[in-house]
Amino acid sequence: MRVALNYFSYHNKQGVLAPASNSIAHFTDLISYFILPPSHKRPSRNCRPLVLGHSASELVEAGLKFQVNKSSHGCILDLAFEHGILKIPYIVVDDFTEVLLRNIVALEQCHYYRQH
């Protein structure tokens, strides 16, 4: 566990404490823990399909403004909406971002499918 914590420490932008070794099921689970630690409430899951209403471009055309939330401390769910401004966390998107997020989704669908 110590080796994995050192290797994946890059993803621990929030500086969360090391999890109990028996609470991590996979390397992807460790990265997910760093990105969204247990202190943050995970969104509830329901059986309805997620329908995204509009693209970011369409929202901007409708008058919504986006602003980077510099105080988000690396949590991807630190979103805030105030006075027509959607504050979103700063994240680095690189060649591995899609692979990382897809693996986290696959892990949650296979390993945590009963959690709400």
PDB file of N, CA and C in Angstrom:
ATOM      1  N   MET A   1       0.836  -1.193   0.000  1.00  0.00           N
ATOM      2  CA  MET A   1       0.000   0.000   0.000  1.00  0.00           C
ATOM      3  C   MET A   1       0.877   1.252   0.000  1.00  0.00           C
ATOM      4  N   ARG A   2       1.962   1.218   0.742  1.00  0.00           N
ATOM      5  CA  ARG A   2       2.849   2.380   0.821  1.00  0.00           C
ATOM      6  C   ARG A   2       3.418   2.726  -0.560  1.00  0.00           C
ATOM      7  N   VAL A   3       3.807   1.695  -1.316  1.00  0.00           N
ATOM      8  CA  VAL A   3       4.350   1.916  -2.660  1.00  0.00           C
ATOM      9  C   VAL A   3       3.279   2.532  -3.559  1.00  0.00           C
ATOM     10  N   ALA A   4       2.059   2.014  -3.493  1.00  0.00           N
ATOM     11  CA  ALA A   4       0.970   2.553  -4.311  1.00  0.00           C
ATOM     12  C   ALA A   4       0.663   3.998  -3.929  1.00  0.00           C
ATOM     13  N   LEU A   5       0.660   4.302  -2.636  1.00  0.00           N
ATOM     14  CA  LEU A   5       0.406   5.672  -2.188  1.00  0.00           C
ATOM     15  C   LEU A   5       1.467   6.630  -2.725  1.00  0.00           C
ATOM     16  N   ASN A   6       2.715   6.213  -2.695  1.00  0.00           N
ATOM     17  CA  ASN A   6       3.787   7.062  -3.235  1.00  0.00           C
ATOM     18  C   ASN A   6       3.653   7.230  -4.740  1.00  0.00           C
ATOM     19  N   TYR A   7       3.380   6.130  -5.441  1.00  0.00           N
ATOM     20  CA  TYR A   7       3.317   6.177  -6.891  1.00  0.00           C
ATOM     21  C   TYR A   7       2.164   7.067  -7.378  1.00  0.00           C
ATOM     22  N   PHE A   8       1.013   6.960  -6.743  1.00  0.00           N
ATOM     23  CA  PHE A   8      -0.168   7.703  -7.185  1.00  0.00           C
ATOM     24  C   PHE A   8      -0.368   9.010  -6.409  1.00  0.00           C
ATOM     25  N   SER A   9       0.610   9.438  -5.647  1.00  0.00           N
ATOM     26  CA  SER A   9       0.474  10.653  -4.842  1.00  0.00           C
ATOM     27  C   SER A   9       0.240  11.899  -5.693  1.00  0.00           C
ATOM     28  N   TYR A  10       0.611  11.873  -6.952  1.00  0.00           N
ATOM     29  CA  TYR A  10       0.350  12.996  -7.863  1.00  0.00           C
ATOM     30  C   TYR A  10      -1.128  13.348  -7.887  1.00  0.00           C
ATOM     31  N   HIS A  11      -1.989  12.350  -7.774  1.00  0.00           N
ATOM     32  CA  HIS A  11      -3.439  12.573  -7.842  1.00  0.00           C
ATOM     33  C   HIS A  11      -4.016  13.075  -6.524  1.00  0.00           C
ATOM     34  N   ASN A  12      -3.224  13.087  -5.469  1.00  0.00           N
ATOM     35  CA  ASN A  12      -3.707  13.510  -4.149  1.00  0.00           C
ATOM     36  C   ASN A  12      -3.544  15.022  -3.997  1.00  0.00           C
ATOM     37  N   LYS A  13      -4.237  15.782  -4.822  1.00  0.00           N
ATOM     38  CA  LYS A  13      -4.135  17.240  -4.813  1.00  0.00           C
ATOM     39  C   LYS A  13      -4.752  17.862  -3.563  1.00  0.00           C
ATOM     40  N   GLN A  14      -5.680  17.128  -2.927  1.00  0.00           N
ATOM     41  CA  GLN A  14      -6.352  17.654  -1.744  1.00  0.00           C
ATOM     42  C   GLN A  14      -5.589  17.343  -0.464  1.00  0.00           C
ATOM     43  N   GLY A  15      -4.558  16.512  -0.560  1.00  0.00           N
ATOM     44  CA  GLY A  15      -3.777  16.152   0.613  1.00  0.00           C
ATOM     45  C   GLY A  15      -4.543  15.317   1.616  1.00  0.00           C
ATOM     46  N   VAL A  16      -5.419  14.434   1.126  1.00  0.00           N
ATOM     47  CA  VAL A  16      -6.190  13.592   2.041  1.00  0.00           C
ATOM     48  C   VAL A  16      -5.275  12.567   2.694  1.00  0.00           C
ATOM     49  N   LEU A  17      -5.651  12.144   3.871  1.00  0.00           N
ATOM     50  CA  LEU A  17      -4.877  11.140   4.593  1.00  0.00           C
ATOM     51  C   LEU A  17      -4.985   9.794   3.894  1.00  0.00           C
ATOM     52  N   ALA A  18      -3.983   8.970   4.066  1.00  0.00           N
ATOM     53  CA  ALA A  18      -3.967   7.648   3.447  1.00  0.00           C
ATOM     54  C   ALA A  18      -5.167   6.838   3.930  1.00  0.00           C
ATOM     55  N   PRO A  19      -5.836   6.153   3.030  1.00  0.00           N
ATOM     56  CA  PRO A  19      -6.981   5.336   3.431  1.00  0.00           C
ATOM     57  C   PRO A  19      -6.514   4.060   4.131  1.00  0.00           C
ATOM     58  N   ALA A  20      -7.412   3.424   4.825  1.00  0.00           N
ATOM     59  CA  ALA A  20      -7.110   2.118   5.405  1.00  0.00           C
ATOM     60  C   ALA A  20      -6.847   1.142   4.270  1.00  0.00           C
ATOM     61  N   SER A  21      -5.826   0.330   4.402  1.00  0.00           N
ATOM     62  CA  SER A  21      -5.433  -0.544   3.302  1.00  0.00           C
ATOM     63  C   SER A  21      -6.531  -1.512   2.889  1.00  0.00           C
ATOM     64  N   ASN A  22      -7.411  -1.896   3.797  1.00  0.00           N
ATOM     65  CA  ASN A  22      -8.488  -2.818   3.437  1.00  0.00           C
ATOM     66  C   ASN A  22      -9.682  -2.112   2.795  1.00  0.00           C
ATOM     67  N   SER A  23      -9.651  -0.785   2.698  1.00  0.00           N
ATOM     68  CA  SER A  23     -10.772  -0.062   2.103  1.00  0.00           C
ATOM     69  C   SER A  23     -10.551   0.230   0.622  1.00  0.00           C
ATOM     70  N   ILE A  24      -9.386  -0.113   0.095  1.00  0.00           N
ATOM     71  CA  ILE A  24      -9.057   0.140  -1.303  1.00  0.00           C
ATOM     72  C   ILE A  24      -9.057  -1.184  -2.053  1.00  0.00           C
ATOM     73  N   ALA A  25      -9.879  -1.276  -3.107  1.00  0.00           N
ATOM     74  CA  ALA A  25     -10.030  -2.532  -3.834  1.00  0.00           C
ATOM     75  C   ALA A  25      -9.089  -2.652  -5.026  1.00  0.00           C
ATOM     76  N   HIS A  26      -8.585  -1.519  -5.521  1.00  0.00           N
ATOM     77  CA  HIS A  26      -7.834  -1.531  -6.780  1.00  0.00           C
ATOM     78  C   HIS A  26      -7.070  -0.220  -6.887  1.00  0.00           C
ATOM     79  N   PHE A  27      -6.064  -0.170  -7.755  1.00  0.00           N
ATOM     80  CA  PHE A  27      -5.334   1.084  -7.978  1.00  0.00           C
ATOM     81  C   PHE A  27      -6.283   2.197  -8.403  1.00  0.00           C
ATOM     82  N   THR A  28      -7.233   1.860  -9.262  1.00  0.00           N
ATOM     83  CA  THR A  28      -8.210   2.859  -9.718  1.00  0.00           C
ATOM     84  C   THR A  28      -9.044   3.355  -8.549  1.00  0.00           C
ATOM     85  N   ASP A  29      -9.329   2.475  -7.603  1.00  0.00           N
ATOM     86  CA  ASP A  29     -10.071   2.857  -6.409  1.00  0.00           C
ATOM     87  C   ASP A  29      -9.268   3.860  -5.584  1.00  0.00           C
ATOM     88  N   LEU A  30      -7.963   3.692  -5.518  1.00  0.00           N
ATOM     89  CA  LEU A  30      -7.098   4.629  -4.796  1.00  0.00           C
ATOM     90  C   LEU A  30      -7.120   6.002  -5.461  1.00  0.00           C
ATOM     91  N   ILE A  31      -7.031   6.037  -6.771  1.00  0.00           N
ATOM     92  CA  ILE A  31      -7.072   7.313  -7.491  1.00  0.00           C
ATOM     93  C   ILE A  31      -8.427   7.977  -7.289  1.00  0.00           C
ATOM     94  N   SER A  32      -9.489   7.193  -7.342  1.00  0.00           N
ATOM     95  CA  SER A  32     -10.829   7.736  -7.098  1.00  0.00           C
ATOM     96  C   SER A  32     -10.927   8.307  -5.691  1.00  0.00           C
ATOM     97  N   TYR A  33     -10.318   7.641  -4.722  1.00  0.00           N
ATOM     98  CA  TYR A  33     -10.296   8.127  -3.333  1.00  0.00           C
ATOM     99  C   TYR A  33      -9.598   9.482  -3.247  1.00  0.00           C
ATOM    100  N   PHE A  34      -8.502   9.638  -3.995  1.00  0.00           N
ATOM    101  CA  PHE A  34      -7.790  10.920  -3.990  1.00  0.00           C
ATOM    102  C   PHE A  34      -8.607  12.016  -4.662  1.00  0.00           C
ATOM    103  N   ILE A  35      -9.295  11.682  -5.735  1.00  0.00           N
ATOM    104  CA  ILE A  35     -10.063  12.684  -6.476  1.00  0.00           C
ATOM    105  C   ILE A  35     -11.332  13.064  -5.728  1.00  0.00           C
ATOM    106  N   LEU A  36     -11.989  12.075  -5.136  1.00  0.00           N
ATOM    107  CA  LEU A  36     -13.235  12.315  -4.407  1.00  0.00           C
ATOM    108  C   LEU A  36     -13.192  11.547  -3.095  1.00  0.00           C
ATOM    109  N   PRO A  37     -12.570  12.114  -2.064  1.00  0.00           N
ATOM    110  CA  PRO A  37     -12.434  11.395  -0.793  1.00  0.00           C
ATOM    111  C   PRO A  37     -13.786  11.176  -0.117  1.00  0.00           C
ATOM    112  N   PRO A  38     -13.841  10.232   0.829  1.00  0.00           N
ATOM    113  CA  PRO A  38     -15.106   9.906   1.489  1.00  0.00           C
ATOM    114  C   PRO A  38     -15.760  11.079   2.209  1.00  0.00           C
ATOM    115  N   SER A  39     -15.004  12.120   2.530  1.00  0.00           N
ATOM    116  CA  SER A  39     -15.604  13.262   3.222  1.00  0.00           C
ATOM    117  C   SER A  39     -16.579  14.021   2.334  1.00  0.00           C
ATOM    118  N   HIS A  40     -16.493  13.822   1.022  1.00  0.00           N
ATOM    119  CA  HIS A  40     -17.441  14.444   0.096  1.00  0.00           C
ATOM    120  C   HIS A  40     -18.567  13.459  -0.198  1.00  0.00           C
ATOM    121  N   LYS A  41     -19.770  13.958  -0.185  1.00  0.00           N
ATOM    122  CA  LYS A  41     -20.913  13.109  -0.458  1.00  0.00           C
ATOM    123  C   LYS A  41     -20.967  12.814  -1.954  1.00  0.00           C
ATOM    124  N   ARG A  42     -21.014  11.552  -2.285  1.00  0.00           N
ATOM    125  CA  ARG A  42     -21.126  11.168  -3.692  1.00  0.00           C
ATOM    126  C   ARG A  42     -22.571  11.372  -4.138  1.00  0.00           C
ATOM    127  N   PRO A  43     -22.751  11.758  -5.383  1.00  0.00           N
ATOM    128  CA  PRO A  43     -24.122  11.953  -5.859  1.00  0.00           C
ATOM    129  C   PRO A  43     -24.891  10.636  -5.819  1.00  0.00           C
ATOM    130  N   SER A  44     -26.173  10.714  -5.488  1.00  0.00           N
ATOM    131  CA  SER A  44     -26.973   9.496  -5.439  1.00  0.00           C
ATOM    132  C   SER A  44     -27.181   8.970  -6.849  1.00  0.00           C
ATOM    133  N   ARG A  45     -27.296   7.678  -6.934  1.00  0.00           N
ATOM    134  CA  ARG A  45     -27.494   7.041  -8.232  1.00  0.00           C
ATOM    135  C   ARG A  45     -28.949   6.658  -8.357  1.00  0.00           C
ATOM    136  N   ASN A  46     -29.454   6.781  -9.539  1.00  0.00           N
ATOM    137  CA  ASN A  46     -30.804   6.309  -9.790  1.00  0.00           C
ATOM    138  C   ASN A  46     -30.794   5.542 -11.107  1.00  0.00           C
ATOM    139  N   CYS A  47     -31.844   4.875 -11.392  1.00  0.00           N
ATOM    140  CA  CYS A  47     -31.896   4.020 -12.579  1.00  0.00           C
ATOM    141  C   CYS A  47     -32.219   4.788 -13.846  1.00  0.00           C
ATOM    142  N   ARG A  48     -32.573   6.035 -13.718  1.00  0.00           N
ATOM    143  CA  ARG A  48     -32.898   6.820 -14.909  1.00  0.00           C
ATOM    144  C   ARG A  48     -31.625   7.190 -15.643  1.00  0.00           C
ATOM    145  N   PRO A  49     -31.655   7.190 -16.971  1.00  0.00           N
ATOM    146  CA  PRO A  49     -30.458   7.589 -17.725  1.00  0.00           C
ATOM    147  C   PRO A  49     -30.189   9.083 -17.555  1.00  0.00           C
ATOM    148  N   LEU A  50     -28.933   9.438 -17.556  1.00  0.00           N
ATOM    149  CA  LEU A  50     -28.540  10.838 -17.438  1.00  0.00           C
ATOM    150  C   LEU A  50     -28.702  11.509 -18.794  1.00  0.00           C
ATOM    151  N   VAL A  51     -29.444  12.579 -18.825  1.00  0.00           N
ATOM    152  CA  VAL A  51     -29.653  13.320 -20.061  1.00  0.00           C
ATOM    153  C   VAL A  51     -29.024  14.697 -19.888  1.00  0.00           C
ATOM    154  N   LEU A  52     -28.002  14.945 -20.666  1.00  0.00           N
ATOM    155  CA  LEU A  52     -27.363  16.253 -20.619  1.00  0.00           C
ATOM    156  C   LEU A  52     -28.160  17.187 -21.505  1.00  0.00           C
ATOM    157  N   GLY A  53     -28.648  18.263 -20.940  1.00  0.00           N
ATOM    158  CA  GLY A  53     -29.536  19.154 -21.656  1.00  0.00           C
ATOM    159  C   GLY A  53     -28.865  19.988 -22.729  1.00  0.00           C
ATOM    160  N   HIS A  54     -27.742  20.598 -22.392  1.00  0.00           N
ATOM    161  CA  HIS A  54     -27.125  21.526 -23.333  1.00  0.00           C
ATOM    162  C   HIS A  54     -25.608  21.460 -23.217  1.00  0.00           C
ATOM    163  N   SER A  55     -24.963  21.793 -24.304  1.00  0.00           N
ATOM    164  CA  SER A  55     -23.506  21.842 -24.292  1.00  0.00           C
ATOM    165  C   SER A  55     -23.051  23.133 -23.618  1.00  0.00           C
ATOM    166  N   ALA A  56     -21.777  23.207 -23.281  1.00  0.00           N
ATOM    167  CA  ALA A  56     -21.226  24.413 -22.669  1.00  0.00           C
ATOM    168  C   ALA A  56     -21.391  25.613 -23.603  1.00  0.00           C
ATOM    169  N   SER A  57     -21.214  25.389 -24.900  1.00  0.00           N
ATOM    170  CA  SER A  57     -21.377  26.491 -25.865  1.00  0.00           C
ATOM    171  C   SER A  57     -22.800  27.023 -25.857  1.00  0.00           C
ATOM    172  N   GLU A  58     -23.768  26.119 -25.792  1.00  0.00           N
ATOM    173  CA  GLU A  58     -25.168  26.550 -25.764  1.00  0.00           C
ATOM    174  C   GLU A  58     -25.484  27.305 -24.475  1.00  0.00           C
ATOM    175  N   LEU A  59     -24.906  26.865 -23.371  1.00  0.00           N
ATOM    176  CA  LEU A  59     -25.138  27.559 -22.108  1.00  0.00           C
ATOM    177  C   LEU A  59     -24.549  28.964 -22.124  1.00  0.00           C
ATOM    178  N   VAL A  60     -23.364  29.115 -22.710  1.00  0.00           N
ATOM    179  CA  VAL A  60     -22.749  30.443 -22.830  1.00  0.00           C
ATOM    180  C   VAL A  60     -23.614  31.340 -23.706  1.00  0.00           C
ATOM    181  N   GLU A  61     -24.112  30.802 -24.803  1.00  0.00           N
ATOM    182  CA  GLU A  61     -24.995  31.582 -25.687  1.00  0.00           C
ATOM    183  C   GLU A  61     -26.262  32.017 -24.966  1.00  0.00           C
ATOM    184  N   ALA A  62     -26.713  31.217 -23.992  1.00  0.00           N
ATOM    185  CA  ALA A  62     -27.914  31.553 -23.231  1.00  0.00           C
ATOM    186  C   ALA A  62     -27.630  32.527 -22.097  1.00  0.00           C
ATOM    187  N   GLY A  63     -26.351  32.882 -21.878  1.00  0.00           N
ATOM    188  CA  GLY A  63     -26.020  33.879 -20.868  1.00  0.00           C
ATOM    189  C   GLY A  63     -25.313  33.355 -19.632  1.00  0.00           C
ATOM    190  N   LEU A  64     -25.138  32.050 -19.537  1.00  0.00           N
ATOM    191  CA  LEU A  64     -24.425  31.489 -18.389  1.00  0.00           C
ATOM    192  C   LEU A  64     -22.941  31.806 -18.517  1.00  0.00           C
ATOM    193  N   LYS A  65     -22.317  32.105 -17.402  1.00  0.00           N
ATOM    194  CA  LYS A  65     -20.881  32.369 -17.398  1.00  0.00           C
ATOM    195  C   LYS A  65     -20.196  31.271 -16.600  1.00  0.00           C
ATOM    196  N   PHE A  66     -19.015  30.874 -17.056  1.00  0.00           N
ATOM    197  CA  PHE A  66     -18.209  29.879 -16.366  1.00  0.00           C
ATOM    198  C   PHE A  66     -17.033  30.576 -15.709  1.00  0.00           C
ATOM    199  N   GLN A  67     -16.686  30.122 -14.532  1.00  0.00           N
ATOM    200  CA  GLN A  67     -15.535  30.679 -13.827  1.00  0.00           C
ATOM    201  C   GLN A  67     -14.803  29.545 -13.131  1.00  0.00           C
ATOM    202  N   VAL A  68     -13.475  29.581 -13.194  1.00  0.00           N
ATOM    203  CA  VAL A  68     -12.671  28.566 -12.528  1.00  0.00           C
ATOM    204  C   VAL A  68     -12.681  28.840 -11.028  1.00  0.00           C
ATOM    205  N   ASN A  69     -13.046  27.824 -10.264  1.00  0.00           N
ATOM    206  CA  ASN A  69     -13.056  27.914  -8.808  1.00  0.00           C
ATOM    207  C   ASN A  69     -11.671  27.524  -8.307  1.00  0.00           C
ATOM    208  N   LYS A  70     -10.843  28.488  -8.044  1.00  0.00           N
ATOM    209  CA  LYS A  70      -9.457  28.218  -7.663  1.00  0.00           C
ATOM    210  C   LYS A  70      -9.329  27.670  -6.249  1.00  0.00           C
ATOM    211  N   SER A  71     -10.387  27.729  -5.472  1.00  0.00           N
ATOM    212  CA  SER A  71     -10.322  27.224  -4.100  1.00  0.00           C
ATOM    213  C   SER A  71     -10.896  25.817  -3.987  1.00  0.00           C
ATOM    214  N   SER A  72     -11.036  25.101  -5.080  1.00  0.00           N
ATOM    215  CA  SER A  72     -11.666  23.782  -5.043  1.00  0.00           C
ATOM    216  C   SER A  72     -10.763  22.702  -4.476  1.00  0.00           C
ATOM    217  N   HIS A  73      -9.479  22.936  -4.389  1.00  0.00           N
ATOM    218  CA  HIS A  73      -8.526  21.998  -3.794  1.00  0.00           C
ATOM    219  C   HIS A  73      -8.528  20.631  -4.462  1.00  0.00           C
ATOM    220  N   GLY A  74      -8.821  20.580  -5.745  1.00  0.00           N
ATOM    221  CA  GLY A  74      -8.695  19.336  -6.491  1.00  0.00           C
ATOM    222  C   GLY A  74      -9.902  18.430  -6.506  1.00  0.00           C
ATOM    223  N   CYS A  75     -10.965  18.756  -5.799  1.00  0.00           N
ATOM    224  CA  CYS A  75     -12.152  17.901  -5.817  1.00  0.00           C
ATOM    225  C   CYS A  75     -12.980  18.239  -7.050  1.00  0.00           C
ATOM    226  N   ILE A  76     -13.247  17.227  -7.871  1.00  0.00           N
ATOM    227  CA  ILE A  76     -13.941  17.496  -9.134  1.00  0.00           C
ATOM    228  C   ILE A  76     -15.422  17.801  -8.947  1.00  0.00           C
ATOM    229  N   LEU A  77     -15.944  17.612  -7.748  1.00  0.00           N
ATOM    230  CA  LEU A  77     -17.357  17.929  -7.502  1.00  0.00           C
ATOM    231  C   LEU A  77     -17.570  19.248  -6.772  1.00  0.00           C
ATOM    232  N   ASP A  78     -16.526  20.035  -6.628  1.00  0.00           N
ATOM    233  CA  ASP A  78     -16.678  21.353  -6.007  1.00  0.00           C
ATOM    234  C   ASP A  78     -17.253  22.330  -7.026  1.00  0.00           C
ATOM    235  N   LEU A  79     -18.551  22.271  -7.190  1.00  0.00           N
ATOM    236  CA  LEU A  79     -19.269  23.132  -8.125  1.00  0.00           C
ATOM    237  C   LEU A  79     -20.109  24.124  -7.334  1.00  0.00           C
ATOM    238  N   ALA A  80     -20.231  25.319  -7.867  1.00  0.00           N
ATOM    239  CA  ALA A  80     -21.071  26.329  -7.220  1.00  0.00           C
ATOM    240  C   ALA A  80     -21.744  27.156  -8.307  1.00  0.00           C
ATOM    241  N   PHE A  81     -22.993  27.500  -8.090  1.00  0.00           N
ATOM    242  CA  PHE A  81     -23.733  28.332  -9.033  1.00  0.00           C
ATOM    243  C   PHE A  81     -24.284  29.530  -8.282  1.00  0.00           C
ATOM    244  N   GLU A  82     -23.809  30.715  -8.651  1.00  0.00           N
ATOM    245  CA  GLU A  82     -24.258  31.943  -8.011  1.00  0.00           C
ATOM    246  C   GLU A  82     -24.412  33.045  -9.047  1.00  0.00           C
ATOM    247  N   HIS A  83     -25.541  33.682  -9.058  1.00  0.00           N
ATOM    248  CA  HIS A  83     -25.800  34.859  -9.885  1.00  0.00           C
ATOM    249  C   HIS A  83     -25.453  34.627 -11.359  1.00  0.00           C
ATOM    250  N   GLY A  84     -25.863  33.483 -11.885  1.00  0.00           N
ATOM    251  CA  GLY A  84     -25.638  33.192 -13.299  1.00  0.00           C
ATOM    252  C   GLY A  84     -24.218  32.772 -13.640  1.00  0.00           C
ATOM    253  N   ILE A  85     -23.399  32.491 -12.634  1.00  0.00           N
ATOM    254  CA  ILE A  85     -22.013  32.072 -12.855  1.00  0.00           C
ATOM    255  C   ILE A  85     -21.841  30.671 -12.281  1.00  0.00           C
ATOM    256  N   LEU A  86     -21.406  29.753 -13.132  1.00  0.00           N
ATOM    257  CA  LEU A  86     -21.115  28.400 -12.697  1.00  0.00           C
ATOM    258  C   LEU A  86     -19.628  28.312 -12.409  1.00  0.00           C
ATOM    259  N   LYS A  87     -19.298  28.103 -11.134  1.00  0.00           N
ATOM    260  CA  LYS A  87     -17.899  27.985 -10.732  1.00  0.00           C
ATOM    261  C   LYS A  87     -17.527  26.506 -10.750  1.00  0.00           C
ATOM    262  N   ILE A  88     -16.518  26.187 -11.549  1.00  0.00           N
ATOM    263  CA  ILE A  88     -16.091  24.808 -11.710  1.00  0.00           C
ATOM    264  C   ILE A  88     -14.634  24.674 -11.284  1.00  0.00           C
ATOM    265  N   PRO A  89     -14.241  23.496 -10.797  1.00  0.00           N
ATOM    266  CA  PRO A  89     -12.857  23.332 -10.351  1.00  0.00           C
ATOM    267  C   PRO A  89     -11.895  23.292 -11.530  1.00  0.00           C
ATOM    268  N   TYR A  90     -10.673  23.670 -11.259  1.00  0.00           N
ATOM    269  CA  TYR A  90      -9.608  23.599 -12.247  1.00  0.00           C
ATOM    270  C   TYR A  90      -9.120  22.160 -12.316  1.00  0.00           C
ATOM    271  N   ILE A  91      -9.159  21.572 -13.491  1.00  0.00           N
ATOM    272  CA  ILE A  91      -8.608  20.232 -13.668  1.00  0.00           C
ATOM    273  C   ILE A  91      -7.690  20.252 -14.882  1.00  0.00           C
ATOM    274  N   VAL A  92      -6.675  19.427 -14.817  1.00  0.00           N
ATOM    275  CA  VAL A  92      -5.746  19.297 -15.938  1.00  0.00           C
ATOM    276  C   VAL A  92      -6.246  18.161 -16.822  1.00  0.00           C
ATOM    277  N   VAL A  93      -6.447  18.458 -18.076  1.00  0.00           N
ATOM    278  CA  VAL A  93      -6.879  17.445 -19.038  1.00  0.00           C
ATOM    279  C   VAL A  93      -5.694  17.160 -19.947  1.00  0.00           C
ATOM    280  N   ASP A  94      -5.284  15.886 -19.950  1.00  0.00           N
ATOM    281  CA  ASP A  94      -4.176  15.501 -20.804  1.00  0.00           C
ATOM    282  C   ASP A  94      -4.541  14.217 -21.541  1.00  0.00           C
ATOM    283  N   ASP A  95      -3.567  13.551 -22.122  1.00  0.00           N
ATOM    284  CA  ASP A  95      -3.830  12.348 -22.908  1.00  0.00           C
ATOM    285  C   ASP A  95      -4.405  11.201 -22.083  1.00  0.00           C
ATOM    286  N   PHE A  96      -4.218  11.223 -20.779  1.00  0.00           N
ATOM    287  CA  PHE A  96      -4.648  10.121 -19.932  1.00  0.00           C
ATOM    288  C   PHE A  96      -5.945  10.400 -19.178  1.00  0.00           C
ATOM    289  N   THR A  97      -6.489  11.593 -19.295  1.00  0.00           N
ATOM    290  CA  THR A  97      -7.682  11.964 -18.537  1.00  0.00           C
ATOM    291  C   THR A  97      -8.873  11.074 -18.888  1.00  0.00           C
ATOM    292  N   GLU A  98      -9.126  10.864 -20.170  1.00  0.00           N
ATOM    293  CA  GLU A  98     -10.263  10.037 -20.570  1.00  0.00           C
ATOM    294  C   GLU A  98     -10.116   8.609 -20.047  1.00  0.00           C
ATOM    295  N   VAL A  99      -8.917   8.048 -20.172  1.00  0.00           N
ATOM    296  CA  VAL A  99      -8.671   6.687 -19.686  1.00  0.00           C
ATOM    297  C   VAL A  99      -8.907   6.610 -18.186  1.00  0.00           C
ATOM    298  N   LEU A 100      -8.403   7.578 -17.456  1.00  0.00           N
ATOM    299  CA  LEU A 100      -8.564   7.607 -16.000  1.00  0.00           C
ATOM    300  C   LEU A 100     -10.042   7.666 -15.619  1.00  0.00           C
ATOM    301  N   LEU A 101     -10.780   8.599 -16.212  1.00  0.00           N
ATOM    302  CA  LEU A 101     -12.193   8.748 -15.860  1.00  0.00           C
ATOM    303  C   LEU A 101     -13.021   7.539 -16.271  1.00  0.00           C
ATOM    304  N   ARG A 102     -12.717   6.961 -17.429  1.00  0.00           N
ATOM    305  CA  ARG A 102     -13.448   5.752 -17.856  1.00  0.00           C
ATOM    306  C   ARG A 102     -13.184   4.585 -16.910  1.00  0.00           C
ATOM    307  N   ASN A 103     -11.946   4.461 -16.441  1.00  0.00           N
ATOM    308  CA  ASN A 103     -11.623   3.385 -15.504  1.00  0.00           C
ATOM    309  C   ASN A 103     -12.325   3.583 -14.167  1.00  0.00           C
ATOM    310  N   ILE A 104     -12.421   4.824 -13.714  1.00  0.00           N
ATOM    311  CA  ILE A 104     -13.136   5.094 -12.457  1.00  0.00           C
ATOM    312  C   ILE A 104     -14.618   4.762 -12.612  1.00  0.00           C
ATOM    313  N   VAL A 105     -15.207   5.134 -13.735  1.00  0.00           N
ATOM    314  CA  VAL A 105     -16.620   4.813 -13.982  1.00  0.00           C
ATOM    315  C   VAL A 105     -16.813   3.303 -14.022  1.00  0.00           C
ATOM    316  N   ALA A 106     -15.933   2.585 -14.730  1.00  0.00           N
ATOM    317  CA  ALA A 106     -16.043   1.129 -14.808  1.00  0.00           C
ATOM    318  C   ALA A 106     -15.909   0.489 -13.429  1.00  0.00           C
ATOM    319  N   LEU A 107     -14.977   0.968 -12.624  1.00  0.00           N
ATOM    320  CA  LEU A 107     -14.803   0.443 -11.270  1.00  0.00           C
ATOM    321  C   LEU A 107     -16.068   0.652 -10.445  1.00  0.00           C
ATOM    322  N   GLU A 108     -16.630   1.857 -10.505  1.00  0.00           N
ATOM    323  CA  GLU A 108     -17.832   2.141  -9.722  1.00  0.00           C
ATOM    324  C   GLU A 108     -19.020   1.315 -10.202  1.00  0.00           C
ATOM    325  N   GLN A 109     -19.138   1.104 -11.504  1.00  0.00           N
ATOM    326  CA  GLN A 109     -20.256   0.321 -12.017  1.00  0.00           C
ATOM    327  C   GLN A 109     -20.136  -1.153 -11.649  1.00  0.00           C
ATOM    328  N   CYS A 110     -18.918  -1.664 -11.607  1.00  0.00           N
ATOM    329  CA  CYS A 110     -18.716  -3.086 -11.306  1.00  0.00           C
ATOM    330  C   CYS A 110     -18.576  -3.371  -9.818  1.00  0.00           C
ATOM    331  N   HIS A 111     -17.890  -2.511  -9.101  1.00  0.00           N
ATOM    332  CA  HIS A 111     -17.569  -2.788  -7.705  1.00  0.00           C
ATOM    333  C   HIS A 111     -18.539  -2.142  -6.714  1.00  0.00           C
ATOM    334  N   TYR A 112     -19.037  -0.968  -7.048  1.00  0.00           N
ATOM    335  CA  TYR A 112     -19.894  -0.222  -6.128  1.00  0.00           C
ATOM    336  C   TYR A 112     -21.309  -0.046  -6.668  1.00  0.00           C
ATOM    337  N   TYR A 113     -21.769  -0.975  -7.477  1.00  0.00           N
ATOM    338  CA  TYR A 113     -23.063  -0.805  -8.133  1.00  0.00           C
ATOM    339  C   TYR A 113     -24.249  -0.796  -7.172  1.00  0.00           C
ATOM    340  N   ARG A 114     -24.074  -1.297  -5.951  1.00  0.00           N
ATOM    341  CA  ARG A 114     -25.179  -1.305  -4.991  1.00  0.00           C
ATOM    342  C   ARG A 114     -25.238  -0.080  -4.113  1.00  0.00           C
ATOM    343  N   GLN A 115     -24.208   0.751  -4.153  1.00  0.00           N
ATOM    344  CA  GLN A 115     -24.198   1.960  -3.308  1.00  0.00           C
ATOM    345  C   GLN A 115     -25.061   3.042  -3.938  1.00  0.00           C
ATOM    346  N   HIS A 116     -25.724   3.811  -3.096  1.00  0.00           N
ATOM    347  CA  HIS A 116     -26.550   4.923  -3.604  1.00  0.00           C
ATOM    348  C   HIS A 116     -25.968   6.177  -3.130  1.00  0.00           C
TER     349      HIS A 116
END
